[in-house]
Protein backbone atom coordinates (compact mmCIF):
# COMPACT_ATOMS: atom_id res chain seq x y z
CA MET A 1 0.01 0.01 -0.02
CA ALA A 2 1.44 3.37 -1.00
CA CYS A 3 1.77 6.27 1.42
CA PRO A 4 -0.18 9.48 1.00
CA SER A 5 1.14 11.87 -1.67
CA ALA A 6 2.71 15.24 -1.06
CA THR A 7 0.30 18.13 -1.67
CA HIS A 8 2.37 21.10 -0.57
CA VAL A 9 6.07 21.94 -0.15
CA GLN A 10 7.67 24.99 1.42
CA PRO A 11 11.43 25.51 1.42
CA LEU A 12 12.79 26.60 4.80
CA THR A 13 16.37 27.30 5.83
CA GLY A 14 19.26 25.23 4.53
CA TYR A 15 18.12 21.96 3.01
CA GLN A 16 14.90 21.82 5.05
CA LEU A 17 11.48 21.49 3.53
CA GLN A 18 8.05 21.68 5.14
CA LEU A 19 5.71 19.10 3.62
CA THR A 20 1.98 18.52 3.68
CA PHE A 21 0.45 15.23 2.53
CA SER A 22 -2.95 14.19 1.19
CA ASP A 23 -3.94 12.67 4.60
CA GLY A 24 -3.30 16.00 6.32
CA ALA A 25 0.01 14.98 7.86
CA THR A 26 2.75 17.58 7.94
CA GLY A 27 6.41 17.48 8.77
CA THR A 28 9.76 19.08 8.26
CA ILE A 29 12.56 17.14 6.59
CA ASP A 30 16.28 17.99 6.27
CA LEU A 31 17.74 16.59 3.06
CA GLN A 32 21.29 17.85 3.56
CA SER A 33 22.80 14.41 4.25
CA ARG A 34 20.96 12.97 1.27
CA ILE A 35 22.17 15.63 -1.13
CA LEU A 36 25.69 16.82 -0.27
CA ASN A 37 28.57 14.93 -1.89
CA ARG A 38 26.26 12.44 -3.65
CA GLY A 39 27.20 13.67 -7.12
CA GLY A 40 25.25 12.95 -10.27
CA MET A 41 21.76 14.42 -10.42
CA PHE A 42 22.10 15.56 -6.81
CA SER A 43 25.01 17.95 -7.58
CA PRO A 44 22.82 20.88 -8.73
CA LEU A 45 20.83 20.63 -5.50
CA GLU A 46 23.96 21.53 -3.47
CA ASP A 47 23.31 25.11 -4.65
CA LEU A 48 20.66 26.28 -2.20
CA ALA A 49 19.00 28.56 -4.82
CA PHE A 50 18.53 25.54 -7.05
CA PHE A 51 17.43 23.39 -4.08
CA ARG A 52 14.75 25.97 -3.30
CA SER A 53 13.40 25.65 -6.86
CA VAL A 54 11.68 22.46 -5.72
CA GLN A 55 8.23 21.89 -7.11
CA LEU A 56 5.38 19.51 -6.48
CA ASP A 57 4.62 16.94 -9.15
CA PRO A 58 0.86 16.39 -8.56
CA GLN A 59 0.68 13.32 -10.76
CA ALA A 60 3.43 11.49 -8.92
CA GLY A 61 2.59 13.06 -5.54
CA THR A 62 6.22 13.91 -4.90
CA LEU A 63 8.88 16.59 -5.12
CA CYS A 64 10.86 17.34 -8.24
CA TRP A 65 13.52 19.78 -9.47
CA PRO A 66 14.16 21.37 -12.89
CA ASN A 67 17.00 18.86 -13.64
CA GLY A 68 14.47 16.00 -13.54
CA LEU A 69 15.35 14.66 -10.11
CA ASP A 70 12.40 13.45 -8.06
CA LEU A 71 12.18 11.69 -4.69
CA CYS A 72 10.19 8.64 -3.70
CA PRO A 73 6.95 9.84 -2.05
CA ASP A 74 7.00 6.94 0.40
CA VAL A 75 10.47 7.95 1.65
CA LEU A 76 9.35 11.61 1.99
CA TYR A 77 6.32 10.57 4.00
CA SER A 78 8.42 8.37 6.28
CA LEU A 79 11.00 11.10 6.83
CA ALA A 80 8.33 13.74 7.52
CA THR A 81 6.10 11.71 9.80
CA GLY A 82 8.44 9.14 11.37
CA ASN A 83 6.18 6.35 10.10
CA PRO A 84 8.04 3.29 8.78
CA LEU A 85 8.22 2.72 5.04
CA PRO A 86 5.52 0.35 3.75
CA VAL A 87 6.67 -3.21 3.32
CA PRO A 88 5.65 -4.78 0.03
CA HIS A 89 3.94 -8.11 0.30
CA ALA A 90 5.75 -11.01 -1.26
CA THR A 91 4.11 -12.59 -4.29
CA ARG A 92 4.35 -16.19 -5.22
């Protein structure tokens, strides 16, 4: 079962974002450790002005940036609320 989707994002200071989700949950996440020194598509996000250009992708229910990077909505929900990630059921 998928987690609720992100419905609102507000950049705060540094690499922090305030998120609101479709179930009404809110939370602040700090993505600094997930961005700095990762390289690749994360490199542009090291520039705080670029990081703050974050947008909401309403179709995917997640965050995205102009370089095409997006983040898993389940991970965002878990980080913002402290709820564990959903565990997929094994299929046979």
